[in-house]
Amino acid sequence: MPLPDWSIGPADVDRRLHELDARRLNFDPAGVDGAGWHRDDYRQPLPAEQPGRPEPGGAWEIASRLSRSYAFADPTLVEAHYDAGEPLEGRNMLLILHAIGLRFYAGVRAGGVADEERQLDGRPVRVSAWEYRTLEGHVEAGQRNYEVRKWLDTGEVDFRTHAVSRPAAMSPVVQVGFRLLARHKQVEFGRRACTRMAFLTDAALRSGIREGDRTFDRRYLAVHLRDHHALLIALRELCARIGSSSPVDAERALARGIGQDAEADLRDLEVVLRTYGSAPSRARTAAVRAGERIGRLKSNGTLLRRSPMTSVVELEGCQLLLESVRALWAGLDHLGLGPADAAIRAQRAANHSAEADTLRLAALERAARPHVGDAGPISVTEIAAGE
């Protein structure tokens, strides 16, 4: 029995794609109603439209394009390579399946393309549909259907994928591996396809990019978001220190406000991370907390009392971290992938930074240009009074 085509790193994709022309299906489509087949069915609601025909540039139209370009597939699980100039009907697609650190190459052929109105359960629905079937050399045998539907009576839009599959006729080792690992990957693919379709459609609607053929690689975005989550923790910790130790009322008040916003940003960023199948990094969190505590040991010119330069250093730190917050939300707003108020959050961080800069300059003035006759660092009373 044959073994699957696999590699550890990138290999000749163009050659493998071209070779699919000569391959036949590795199963009989007429036999998928029998016993021994796994059946998976997933449905994902998408942003609704007004009742009636699909709206130009609306959720149904965008999701249909996302579906037909296979943009909803998570590239950490499956990469797709094909000639976009070919019609979807009959198009060969080379899928790269990622599992246990290896890349498995598998061919499928698209078909069943439809864009039509139907009656389902007595209701009118507009359906954009297609499917693909597995070719010789694939580790599994079967087909998967994709549909984007708009229910014309209510305006509801949804995405549905249905699969019928079983292990391909390969070596016993491969078949055992399929039962141990591939079923898990199949379920994970179906679930992620639905969640990705939802947020990609929503992102296209929010960002104004209506072509509907954009995707993203969550591997890199998740790293970016985890970095910013750690920086938000650093900001929250720094603001807690300023709020408890600064002798200046205005500095403590600003720190409390920034700290509250950072706490809310952390909660919402964790929601975004979960949406992309990720989570905060414990290592990054531990590192920034340790760094913040080590930073407290900096003397800033004195050993036994608070230096007037401490406020300058703390506020400069706030500004640097606030810029990272502004960049985070501005970037997600640009991509259309963050919360709906991402632009407002970015502007709020910029406003906080401007307030911190005003207080920083005042603190620098007090530290670097004390009143004539001062014998050293000015007292807490004088600082609080702004003298």
Protein backbone atom coordinates (compact mmCIF):
# COMPACT_ATOMS: atom_id res chain seq x y z
CA MET A 1 0.00 0.00 0.00
CA PRO A 2 1.27 3.53 -0.74
CA LEU A 3 2.70 5.95 1.80
CA PRO A 4 1.70 9.61 1.95
CA ASP A 5 3.81 12.32 0.35
CA TRP A 6 5.44 14.30 3.15
CA SER A 7 8.38 16.53 4.03
CA ILE A 8 9.85 18.29 7.04
CA GLY A 9 10.29 21.68 5.40
CA PRO A 10 9.01 23.43 2.26
CA ALA A 11 9.27 21.38 -0.92
CA ASP A 12 8.37 21.62 -4.63
CA VAL A 13 4.76 22.83 -4.52
CA ASP A 14 4.45 23.70 -8.22
CA ARG A 15 5.49 20.22 -9.32
CA ARG A 16 3.11 18.54 -6.91
CA LEU A 17 0.24 20.77 -8.00
CA HIS A 18 0.90 20.02 -11.69
CA GLU A 19 0.96 16.26 -11.01
CA LEU A 20 -2.61 16.38 -9.69
CA ASP A 21 -3.92 16.61 -13.27
CA ALA A 22 -3.28 12.90 -13.78
CA ARG A 23 -4.76 11.72 -10.50
CA ARG A 24 -8.19 10.20 -10.03
CA LEU A 25 -10.50 10.29 -7.04
CA ASN A 26 -9.50 7.82 -4.34
CA PHE A 27 -13.11 6.84 -3.56
CA ASP A 28 -16.46 6.30 -5.24
CA PRO A 29 -18.77 9.26 -4.55
CA ALA A 30 -21.78 7.00 -5.00
CA GLY A 31 -20.77 4.98 -1.95
CA VAL A 32 -20.55 7.71 0.70
CA ASP A 33 -24.05 6.98 2.00
CA GLY A 34 -22.95 3.59 3.27
CA ALA A 35 -21.45 2.49 6.58
CA GLY A 36 -17.91 3.25 7.73
CA TRP A 37 -17.89 6.95 6.90
CA HIS A 38 -17.36 9.79 9.39
CA ARG A 39 -19.80 12.67 9.02
CA ASP A 40 -19.08 16.18 10.28
CA ASP A 41 -21.42 19.13 10.03
CA TYR A 42 -20.73 22.67 11.27
CA ARG A 43 -22.72 25.88 10.97
CA GLN A 44 -21.61 29.43 11.80
CA PRO A 45 -23.91 32.49 11.91
CA LEU A 46 -22.48 35.52 10.08
CA PRO A 47 -23.46 39.22 10.22
CA ALA A 48 -27.05 39.55 9.09
CA GLU A 49 -28.39 41.71 6.27
CA GLN A 50 -31.77 43.19 5.51
CA PRO A 51 -34.35 40.67 4.23
CA GLY A 52 -34.38 40.17 0.47
CA ARG A 53 -31.66 39.64 -2.10
CA PRO A 54 -27.99 39.76 -0.95
CA GLU A 55 -26.68 43.29 -0.48
CA PRO A 56 -23.79 44.49 -2.68
CA GLY A 57 -20.64 44.33 -0.55
CA GLY A 58 -22.62 42.72 2.27
CA ALA A 59 -21.88 39.73 4.48
CA TRP A 60 -23.20 37.11 2.03
CA GLU A 61 -21.19 38.45 -0.88
CA ILE A 62 -17.98 38.78 1.16
CA ALA A 63 -18.34 35.35 2.78
CA SER A 64 -19.00 33.77 -0.62
CA ARG A 65 -15.70 35.10 -1.92
CA LEU A 66 -13.91 34.02 1.26
CA SER A 67 -15.37 30.55 0.83
CA ARG A 68 -14.44 30.14 -2.83
CA SER A 69 -10.87 31.34 -2.23
CA TYR A 70 -10.51 28.96 0.74
CA ALA A 71 -9.47 31.93 2.89
CA PHE A 72 -11.23 30.55 5.95
CA ALA A 73 -8.75 27.66 6.27
CA ASP A 74 -6.35 28.07 9.18
CA PRO A 75 -2.83 27.90 7.65
CA THR A 76 -1.48 26.36 10.85
CA LEU A 77 -3.61 23.33 9.97
CA VAL A 78 -4.00 23.44 6.17
CA GLU A 79 -2.38 25.51 3.43
CA ALA A 80 -3.93 25.53 -0.03
CA HIS A 81 -2.14 26.09 -3.34
CA TYR A 82 -3.99 26.40 -6.65
CA ASP A 83 -4.11 28.35 -9.88
CA ALA A 84 -6.54 31.20 -9.19
CA GLY A 85 -6.87 31.76 -12.93
CA GLU A 86 -8.63 28.43 -13.39
CA PRO A 87 -12.39 28.12 -12.94
CA LEU A 88 -13.41 26.80 -9.54
CA GLU A 89 -15.35 23.95 -11.17
CA GLY A 90 -12.79 21.21 -11.78
CA ARG A 91 -9.91 23.13 -10.16
CA ASN A 92 -7.12 21.06 -8.60
CA MET A 93 -5.93 22.17 -5.18
CA LEU A 94 -2.79 21.01 -3.38
CA LEU A 95 -3.41 20.96 0.36
CA ILE A 96 -0.47 20.95 2.79
CA LEU A 97 -1.61 19.32 6.01
CA HIS A 98 0.41 20.28 9.10
CA ALA A 99 0.69 17.59 11.78
CA ILE A 100 3.35 16.42 14.28
CA GLY A 101 5.85 18.87 12.79
CA LEU A 102 5.55 17.41 9.29
CA ARG A 103 3.98 18.63 6.06
CA PHE A 104 1.72 16.12 4.26
CA TYR A 105 0.84 16.88 0.62
CA ALA A 106 -2.68 15.95 -0.46
CA GLY A 107 -4.63 16.69 -3.62
CA VAL A 108 -8.31 17.52 -4.00
CA ARG A 109 -10.51 18.51 -6.94
CA ALA A 110 -13.21 21.17 -6.65
CA GLY A 111 -16.69 20.86 -8.08
CA GLY A 112 -20.36 21.24 -7.30
CA VAL A 113 -20.16 25.01 -7.80
CA ALA A 114 -23.54 26.73 -7.45
CA ASP A 115 -24.95 30.21 -6.89
CA GLU A 116 -28.71 29.97 -6.78
CA GLU A 117 -31.93 30.44 -4.86
CA ARG A 118 -33.44 27.38 -3.22
CA GLN A 119 -36.25 26.38 -0.92
CA LEU A 120 -35.06 24.84 2.36
CA ASP A 121 -37.63 23.80 4.94
CA GLY A 122 -40.18 25.91 3.07
CA ARG A 123 -38.01 29.05 3.24
CA PRO A 124 -36.33 30.91 0.37
CA VAL A 125 -32.53 30.97 0.61
CA ARG A 126 -29.71 32.18 -1.63
CA VAL A 127 -26.84 29.68 -1.63
CA SER A 128 -23.24 29.98 -2.78
CA ALA A 129 -21.83 26.45 -2.72
CA TRP A 130 -18.87 24.34 -3.77
CA GLU A 131 -17.11 21.16 -2.69
CA TYR A 132 -13.92 19.24 -3.13
CA ARG A 133 -13.17 15.53 -3.36
CA THR A 134 -9.96 13.76 -2.41
CA LEU A 135 -7.52 12.44 -5.00
CA GLU A 136 -5.10 9.52 -5.03
CA GLY A 137 -2.32 10.05 -2.51
CA HIS A 138 -4.52 11.81 0.05
CA VAL A 139 -4.39 10.34 3.56
CA GLU A 140 -8.18 10.40 3.71
CA ALA A 141 -10.97 9.65 1.27
CA GLY A 142 -14.15 11.63 0.93
CA GLN A 143 -15.54 15.06 0.21
CA ARG A 144 -16.28 18.33 1.97
CA ASN A 145 -19.01 20.80 1.01
CA TYR A 146 -19.08 24.53 1.73
CA GLU A 147 -22.15 26.76 1.62
CA VAL A 148 -22.77 30.43 2.36
CA ARG A 149 -26.51 30.96 2.76
CA LYS A 150 -28.76 33.97 3.08
CA TRP A 151 -32.30 33.37 4.28
CA LEU A 152 -34.26 35.84 2.20
CA ASP A 153 -37.23 36.07 4.55
CA THR A 154 -35.21 37.19 7.60
CA GLY A 155 -31.82 38.39 6.27
CA GLU A 156 -29.91 35.83 8.34
CA VAL A 157 -26.58 34.76 6.83
CA ASP A 158 -24.64 31.65 7.78
CA PHE A 159 -21.73 29.46 6.71
CA ARG A 160 -22.04 25.67 6.65
CA THR A 161 -19.50 22.96 6.00
CA HIS A 162 -20.32 19.26 5.78
CA ALA A 163 -17.78 16.45 5.37
CA VAL A 164 -17.94 12.72 4.71
CA SER A 165 -14.61 10.94 5.15
CA ARG A 166 -12.70 7.82 6.12
CA PRO A 167 -9.02 6.76 6.05
CA ALA A 168 -7.64 6.24 2.56
CA ALA A 169 -6.40 2.85 1.40
CA MET A 170 -2.81 3.27 2.56
CA SER A 171 -0.41 1.32 4.74
CA PRO A 172 -1.70 0.07 8.10
CA VAL A 173 0.64 2.48 9.88
CA VAL A 174 -0.96 5.43 8.07
CA GLN A 175 -4.46 4.19 8.84
CA VAL A 176 -3.63 3.86 12.55
CA GLY A 177 -2.17 7.36 12.47
CA PHE A 178 -5.31 8.64 10.83
CA ARG A 179 -7.51 7.22 13.56
CA LEU A 180 -5.26 8.58 16.32
CA LEU A 181 -4.57 12.03 14.94
CA ALA A 182 -6.45 12.89 11.76
CA ARG A 183 -9.93 12.73 13.29
CA HIS A 184 -8.87 15.30 15.85
CA LYS A 185 -7.46 17.49 13.09
CA GLN A 186 -10.65 17.15 11.03
CA VAL A 187 -12.81 18.32 13.93
CA GLU A 188 -10.41 21.15 14.69
CA PHE A 189 -10.42 22.22 11.04
CA GLY A 190 -14.23 22.37 10.91
CA ARG A 191 -14.49 24.44 14.07
CA ARG A 192 -11.73 26.85 13.11
CA ALA A 193 -13.12 27.24 9.60
CA CYS A 194 -16.36 28.50 11.13
CA THR A 195 -14.79 30.91 13.61
CA ARG A 196 -12.36 32.26 11.00
CA MET A 197 -15.16 32.77 8.48
CA ALA A 198 -17.07 34.79 11.07
CA PHE A 199 -14.29 37.18 12.03
CA LEU A 200 -12.89 37.51 8.48
CA THR A 201 -16.35 38.49 7.23
CA ASP A 202 -16.80 40.90 10.11
CA ALA A 203 -13.30 42.34 9.53
CA ALA A 204 -13.99 42.94 5.85
CA LEU A 205 -17.25 44.71 6.68
CA ARG A 206 -15.65 46.91 9.34
CA SER A 207 -12.46 47.77 7.46
CA GLY A 208 -14.26 48.54 4.21
CA ILE A 209 -12.24 45.92 2.31
CA ARG A 210 -15.12 44.35 0.42
CA GLU A 211 -13.23 42.10 -1.95
CA GLY A 212 -13.67 39.31 0.58
CA ASP A 213 -10.49 37.42 -0.35
CA ARG A 214 -8.28 38.48 2.54
CA THR A 215 -7.07 36.04 5.16
CA PHE A 216 -4.44 36.14 7.90
CA ASP A 217 -1.98 33.81 9.54
CA ARG A 218 -2.85 33.58 13.21
CA ARG A 219 0.64 32.31 14.07
CA TYR A 220 2.16 35.75 13.62
CA LEU A 221 -0.80 37.75 14.83
CA ALA A 222 -0.99 35.70 18.03
CA VAL A 223 2.69 36.41 18.78
CA HIS A 224 2.04 40.11 18.25
CA LEU A 225 -0.99 40.11 20.53
CA ARG A 226 0.76 38.15 23.28
CA ASP A 227 3.61 40.68 23.23
CA HIS A 228 1.14 43.52 23.67
CA HIS A 229 -0.68 41.65 26.42
CA ALA A 230 2.60 41.49 28.36
CA LEU A 231 3.22 45.21 27.78
CA LEU A 232 -0.26 46.01 29.08
CA ILE A 233 0.57 44.11 32.26
CA ALA A 234 3.76 46.15 32.58
CA LEU A 235 1.70 49.34 32.20
CA ARG A 236 -0.80 48.22 34.81
CA GLU A 237 1.98 47.36 37.28
CA LEU A 238 3.79 50.64 36.70
CA CYS A 239 0.60 52.63 37.19
CA ALA A 240 -0.09 50.78 40.44
CA ARG A 241 3.36 51.84 41.69
CA ILE A 242 2.85 55.46 40.66
CA GLY A 243 -0.61 55.49 42.21
CA SER A 244 0.73 54.32 45.55
CA SER A 245 4.06 56.15 45.78
CA SER A 246 3.98 59.40 43.82
CA PRO A 247 3.77 62.49 46.04
CA VAL A 248 1.95 64.45 43.32
CA ASP A 249 -1.85 64.27 43.30
CA ALA A 250 -2.11 64.74 39.53
CA GLU A 251 0.34 61.90 38.86
CA ARG A 252 -1.55 59.53 41.15
CA ALA A 253 -4.88 60.44 39.55
CA LEU A 254 -3.56 59.91 36.02
CA ALA A 255 -1.98 56.60 37.00
CA ARG A 256 -5.25 55.35 38.46
CA GLY A 257 -7.12 56.23 35.28
CA ILE A 258 -4.52 54.60 33.01
CA GLY A 259 -4.43 51.52 35.25
CA GLN A 260 -8.21 51.08 35.04
CA ASP A 261 -8.10 51.39 31.26
CA ALA A 262 -5.20 48.91 31.09
CA GLU A 263 -7.22 46.41 33.14
CA ALA A 264 -10.15 46.71 30.72
CA ASP A 265 -7.82 46.45 27.72
CA LEU A 266 -6.29 43.28 29.15
CA ARG A 267 -9.68 41.63 29.52
CA ASP A 268 -10.73 42.51 25.98
CA LEU A 269 -7.38 41.53 24.48
CA GLU A 270 -7.71 38.12 26.14
CA VAL A 271 -11.09 37.76 24.39
CA VAL A 272 -9.41 38.56 21.07
CA LEU A 273 -6.69 36.00 21.77
CA ARG A 274 -9.27 33.32 22.54
CA THR A 275 -11.04 34.13 19.28
CA TYR A 276 -7.81 33.36 17.43
CA GLY A 277 -7.27 30.14 19.39
CA SER A 278 -4.49 31.58 21.53
CA ALA A 279 -3.88 32.75 25.10
CA PRO A 280 -1.58 35.10 27.03
CA SER A 281 2.03 33.99 27.44
CA ARG A 282 2.88 33.03 31.00
CA ALA A 283 6.58 33.45 30.30
CA ARG A 284 6.12 36.99 28.97
CA THR A 285 3.86 37.88 31.91
CA ALA A 286 6.40 36.63 34.43
CA ALA A 287 9.22 38.47 32.66
CA VAL A 288 7.50 41.88 32.65
CA ARG A 289 6.45 41.55 36.27
CA ALA A 290 10.00 40.69 37.27
CA GLY A 291 11.33 43.55 35.18
CA GLU A 292 8.97 46.03 36.79
CA ARG A 293 10.09 44.98 40.28
CA ILE A 294 13.76 45.12 39.33
CA GLY A 295 13.16 48.60 37.95
CA ARG A 296 12.13 49.76 41.40
CA LEU A 297 15.72 49.23 42.58
CA LYS A 298 17.01 52.06 40.38
CA SER A 299 18.16 54.82 42.73
CA ASN A 300 17.66 57.83 40.42
CA GLY A 301 20.31 59.75 42.39
CA THR A 302 19.34 59.00 45.98
CA LEU A 303 19.42 55.92 48.18
CA LEU A 304 17.23 56.58 51.21
CA ARG A 305 14.56 58.90 49.93
CA ARG A 306 12.47 59.32 46.79
CA SER A 307 14.38 61.17 44.12
CA PRO A 308 12.60 63.99 42.31
CA MET A 309 13.80 62.29 39.10
CA THR A 310 11.74 59.17 39.91
CA SER A 311 8.56 60.79 38.63
CA VAL A 312 10.32 61.67 35.38
CA VAL A 313 11.46 58.08 34.84
CA GLU A 314 8.07 56.61 35.76
CA LEU A 315 6.16 58.97 33.49
CA GLU A 316 8.56 58.34 30.62
CA GLY A 317 7.93 54.62 31.11
CA CYS A 318 4.20 55.28 31.01
CA GLN A 319 4.55 57.13 27.74
CA LEU A 320 6.53 54.33 26.12
CA LEU A 321 3.97 51.73 27.20
CA LEU A 322 1.04 53.94 26.21
CA GLU A 323 2.50 54.19 22.72
CA SER A 324 2.44 50.39 22.54
CA VAL A 325 -1.23 50.46 23.58
CA ARG A 326 -2.02 53.05 20.93
CA ALA A 327 -0.19 50.98 18.30
CA LEU A 328 -2.02 47.80 19.35
CA TRP A 329 -5.53 49.19 18.97
CA ALA A 330 -4.71 51.29 15.91
CA GLY A 331 -3.26 48.21 14.20
CA LEU A 332 -6.25 46.01 15.01
CA ASP A 333 -8.61 48.76 13.87
CA HIS A 334 -6.73 48.95 10.56
CA LEU A 335 -7.07 45.19 10.09
CA GLY A 336 -10.67 45.22 11.27
CA LEU A 337 -9.90 42.38 13.68
CA GLY A 338 -10.20 44.02 17.08
CA PRO A 339 -13.14 45.25 19.15
CA ALA A 340 -15.50 47.72 17.52
CA ASP A 341 -14.11 50.62 19.60
CA ALA A 342 -10.44 49.90 18.79
CA ALA A 343 -9.95 53.35 17.24
CA ILE A 344 -11.39 55.01 20.35
CA ARG A 345 -9.02 53.01 22.55
CA ALA A 346 -6.06 54.07 20.41
CA GLN A 347 -7.01 57.74 20.75
CA ARG A 348 -7.55 57.32 24.49
CA ALA A 349 -4.01 55.98 24.88
CA ALA A 350 -2.66 58.94 22.90
CA ASN A 351 -4.57 61.36 25.15
CA HIS A 352 -3.19 59.69 28.27
CA SER A 353 0.31 59.95 26.82
CA ALA A 354 -0.13 63.68 26.25
CA GLU A 355 -1.24 64.13 29.87
CA ALA A 356 1.72 62.08 31.08
CA ASP A 357 4.06 64.23 29.00
CA THR A 358 2.75 67.42 30.63
CA LEU A 359 3.34 65.96 34.09
CA ARG A 360 6.73 64.60 33.02
CA LEU A 361 7.95 68.03 31.92
CA ALA A 362 6.76 69.52 35.20
CA ALA A 363 8.60 66.79 37.13
CA LEU A 364 11.73 67.32 35.06
CA GLU A 365 11.56 71.07 35.78
CA ARG A 366 11.35 70.41 39.51
CA ALA A 367 14.21 67.93 39.48
CA ALA A 368 16.62 69.76 37.18
CA ARG A 369 15.87 73.39 38.10
CA PRO A 370 15.12 73.57 41.81
CA HIS A 371 14.48 76.94 43.43
CA VAL A 372 17.54 78.93 44.44
CA GLY A 373 18.38 78.13 48.05
CA ASP A 374 17.11 74.55 47.93
CA ALA A 375 19.52 72.29 49.80
CA GLY A 376 18.70 69.14 47.90
CA PRO A 377 15.71 67.21 46.70
CA ILE A 378 12.59 69.22 47.44
CA SER A 379 10.22 67.94 50.04
CA VAL A 380 7.11 65.91 49.44
CA THR A 381 5.03 68.87 50.58
CA GLU A 382 6.64 71.17 48.04
CA ILE A 383 6.23 68.64 45.24
CA ALA A 384 2.56 68.12 46.03
CA ALA A 385 2.05 71.86 45.99
CA GLY A 386 3.83 72.17 42.66
CA GLU A 387 6.35 74.68 44.06
